[in-house]
């Protein structure tokens, strides 16, 4: 597989759409995302992901939301055609797009979420997209001892000193 022949820190996009990874496979991908600080686009459409933890494990939607909640680069996510309900997975998706303002495109068609919750989620994503140029946020992978200059202005960059 090409994915494993490159440095995971340089990967910008993952497309696992319609591979039916199931909860176990999706959770493995979630753990891999920790090693991919540059990932911007994740497609998990149609993978049999579930939001509830049952006797077969479940909970991969919750795991995905946890991993992406503070991700420093994620912009686009597709979780369509998975078993996502309002109570756990839907609320986790809502919290994800509320907490991570970088997510400016999310697809969640073909899920079991109510129209009301989908609207709340997509309205938040729209606000993220509209406010993206204005938002300045400290990335989750940065620590107090990081080399990033705090208080930098939007549009400026800094290089880490060695």
Protein backbone atom coordinates (compact mmCIF):
# COMPACT_ATOMS: atom_id res chain seq x y z
CA UNK A 1 0.00 0.00 0.00
CA UNK A 2 1.25 3.46 -0.85
CA UNK A 3 0.15 4.87 2.50
CA UNK A 4 2.75 2.90 4.41
CA UNK A 5 5.58 3.69 2.01
CA UNK A 6 5.69 7.34 3.03
CA UNK A 7 6.24 9.31 6.17
CA UNK A 8 2.83 9.53 7.94
CA UNK A 9 3.72 13.04 9.11
CA UNK A 10 3.58 14.22 5.49
CA UNK A 11 0.21 12.71 4.52
CA UNK A 12 -2.42 15.32 3.63
CA UNK A 13 -5.38 13.11 2.72
CA UNK A 14 -6.83 9.72 3.66
CA UNK A 15 -9.60 8.15 1.59
CA UNK A 16 -10.98 4.96 3.07
CA UNK A 17 -14.43 5.45 1.56
CA UNK A 18 -16.61 2.38 1.06
CA UNK A 19 -14.05 -0.10 2.38
CA UNK A 20 -16.25 -1.33 5.23
CA UNK A 21 -13.49 -1.16 7.80
CA UNK A 22 -16.01 -1.70 10.59
CA UNK A 23 -15.44 -0.34 14.06
CA UNK A 24 -12.14 -2.14 14.63
CA UNK A 25 -10.57 -0.93 11.39
CA UNK A 26 -11.91 2.59 11.86
CA UNK A 27 -10.46 2.71 15.39
CA UNK A 28 -7.08 1.67 13.99
CA UNK A 29 -7.26 4.56 11.53
CA UNK A 30 -8.16 6.87 14.42
CA UNK A 31 -4.97 5.89 16.22
CA UNK A 32 -2.98 6.45 13.02
CA UNK A 33 -4.32 10.02 12.82
CA UNK A 34 -2.28 10.88 15.92
CA UNK A 35 0.86 10.44 13.84
CA UNK A 36 -0.45 12.60 10.98
CA UNK A 37 -0.26 16.23 12.06
CA UNK A 38 -0.55 17.49 8.46
CA UNK A 39 -3.69 15.56 7.47
CA UNK A 40 -6.34 17.89 6.09
CA UNK A 41 -8.90 15.57 4.53
CA UNK A 42 -10.34 12.31 5.92
CA UNK A 43 -12.94 10.30 4.02
CA UNK A 44 -14.55 7.56 6.13
CA UNK A 45 -17.77 7.30 4.09
CA UNK A 46 -19.53 3.93 4.13
CA UNK A 47 -17.33 2.02 6.53
CA UNK A 48 -19.80 0.52 8.96
CA UNK A 49 -18.72 2.90 11.70
CA UNK A 50 -21.02 3.07 14.70
CA UNK A 51 -21.40 5.52 17.50
CA UNK A 52 -22.59 3.21 20.25
CA UNK A 53 -20.44 0.89 22.28
CA UNK A 54 -22.11 -2.50 22.33
CA UNK A 55 -21.07 -6.12 22.67
CA UNK A 56 -19.13 -5.91 19.39
CA UNK A 57 -17.10 -2.89 20.46
CA UNK A 58 -18.56 0.00 18.50
CA UNK A 59 -17.75 3.58 19.25
CA UNK A 60 -15.51 4.29 16.25
CA UNK A 61 -17.37 7.54 15.50
CA UNK A 62 -16.64 8.73 19.04
CA UNK A 63 -13.00 7.71 18.65
CA UNK A 64 -12.72 9.62 15.36
CA UNK A 65 -14.25 12.74 16.89
CA UNK A 66 -11.85 12.56 19.84
CA UNK A 67 -8.81 12.27 17.59
CA UNK A 68 -9.85 15.15 15.34
CA UNK A 69 -11.15 17.46 18.05
CA UNK A 70 -7.88 19.30 18.51
CA UNK A 71 -6.17 18.30 15.29
CA UNK A 72 -4.04 21.17 13.96
CA UNK A 73 -4.77 20.80 10.22
CA UNK A 74 -8.03 18.90 9.58
CA UNK A 75 -10.34 20.79 7.24
CA UNK A 76 -12.60 18.21 5.55
CA UNK A 77 -14.37 15.13 6.90
CA UNK A 78 -16.87 12.72 5.35
CA UNK A 79 -18.69 10.30 7.67
CA UNK A 80 -21.70 9.73 5.40
CA UNK A 81 -23.37 6.32 5.13
CA UNK A 82 -22.35 5.19 8.62
CA UNK A 83 -24.53 4.28 11.59
CA UNK A 84 -24.49 7.60 13.39
CA UNK A 85 -27.39 8.44 15.68
CA UNK A 86 -28.25 11.68 17.48
CA UNK A 87 -27.42 10.80 21.05
CA UNK A 88 -23.77 9.74 20.91
CA UNK A 89 -22.20 10.07 17.49
CA UNK A 90 -24.28 13.01 16.35
CA UNK A 91 -23.56 14.98 19.49
CA UNK A 92 -19.87 14.02 19.23
CA UNK A 93 -19.80 15.39 15.66
CA UNK A 94 -21.46 18.58 16.83
CA UNK A 95 -18.87 18.98 19.60
CA UNK A 96 -16.10 18.26 17.08
CA UNK A 97 -17.08 21.05 14.71
CA UNK A 98 -17.76 23.38 17.64
CA UNK A 99 -14.35 22.75 19.23
CA UNK A 100 -12.25 22.52 16.07
CA UNK A 101 -12.93 25.69 14.09
CA UNK A 102 -10.68 24.51 11.28
CA UNK A 103 -13.27 22.01 10.05
CA UNK A 104 -14.91 23.89 7.21
CA UNK A 105 -16.45 21.00 5.28
CA UNK A 106 -18.26 18.00 6.75
CA UNK A 107 -20.41 15.46 4.96
CA UNK A 108 -22.88 13.39 7.00
CA UNK A 109 -25.49 12.18 4.50
CA UNK A 110 -27.05 8.75 4.90
CA UNK A 111 -26.76 8.68 8.69
CA UNK A 112 -29.48 8.22 11.30
CA UNK A 113 -29.16 11.73 12.67
CA UNK A 114 -32.25 13.90 12.83
CA UNK A 115 -32.65 16.78 10.40
CA UNK A 116 -32.45 19.20 13.35
CA UNK A 117 -29.07 17.92 14.53
CA UNK A 118 -27.67 17.79 10.98
CA UNK A 119 -28.73 21.41 10.53
CA UNK A 120 -26.98 22.43 13.78
CA UNK A 121 -23.82 20.62 12.71
CA UNK A 122 -23.80 22.02 9.18
CA UNK A 123 -24.60 25.55 10.39
CA UNK A 124 -21.59 25.35 12.71
CA UNK A 125 -19.41 24.09 9.85
CA UNK A 126 -20.64 26.98 7.70
CA UNK A 127 -19.73 29.44 10.47
CA UNK A 128 -16.28 27.82 10.70
CA UNK A 129 -15.82 28.30 6.95
CA UNK A 130 -16.97 31.93 7.05
CA UNK A 131 -14.82 32.78 10.08
CA UNK A 132 -11.74 30.82 8.98
CA UNK A 133 -9.69 33.84 7.88
CA UNK A 134 -10.44 35.59 11.18
CA UNK A 135 -9.86 32.74 13.56
CA UNK A 136 -6.58 32.43 15.36
CA UNK A 137 -6.29 29.35 17.49
CA UNK A 138 -3.59 27.53 19.29
CA UNK A 139 -3.28 23.98 17.96
CA UNK A 140 -3.84 21.03 20.26
CA UNK A 141 -0.48 19.47 19.45
CA UNK A 142 1.37 22.54 20.69
CA UNK A 143 2.45 22.72 24.28
CA UNK A 144 3.57 25.57 26.49
CA UNK A 145 7.16 24.65 25.67
CA UNK A 146 6.59 24.61 21.90
CA UNK A 147 8.66 26.75 19.63
CA UNK A 148 5.62 28.50 18.15
CA UNK A 149 5.45 32.18 18.89
CA UNK A 150 2.29 32.81 20.89
CA UNK A 151 0.21 35.81 20.03
CA UNK A 152 1.24 35.82 16.38
CA UNK A 153 -0.98 37.67 13.96
CA UNK A 154 -3.09 35.92 11.36
CA UNK A 155 -1.22 35.41 8.12
CA UNK A 156 2.23 35.37 9.68
CA UNK A 157 4.37 32.32 10.27
CA UNK A 158 7.24 31.55 12.52
CA UNK A 159 9.95 28.91 12.34
CA UNK A 160 10.94 26.73 15.20
CA UNK A 161 14.40 27.42 16.54
CA UNK A 162 16.71 24.48 17.05
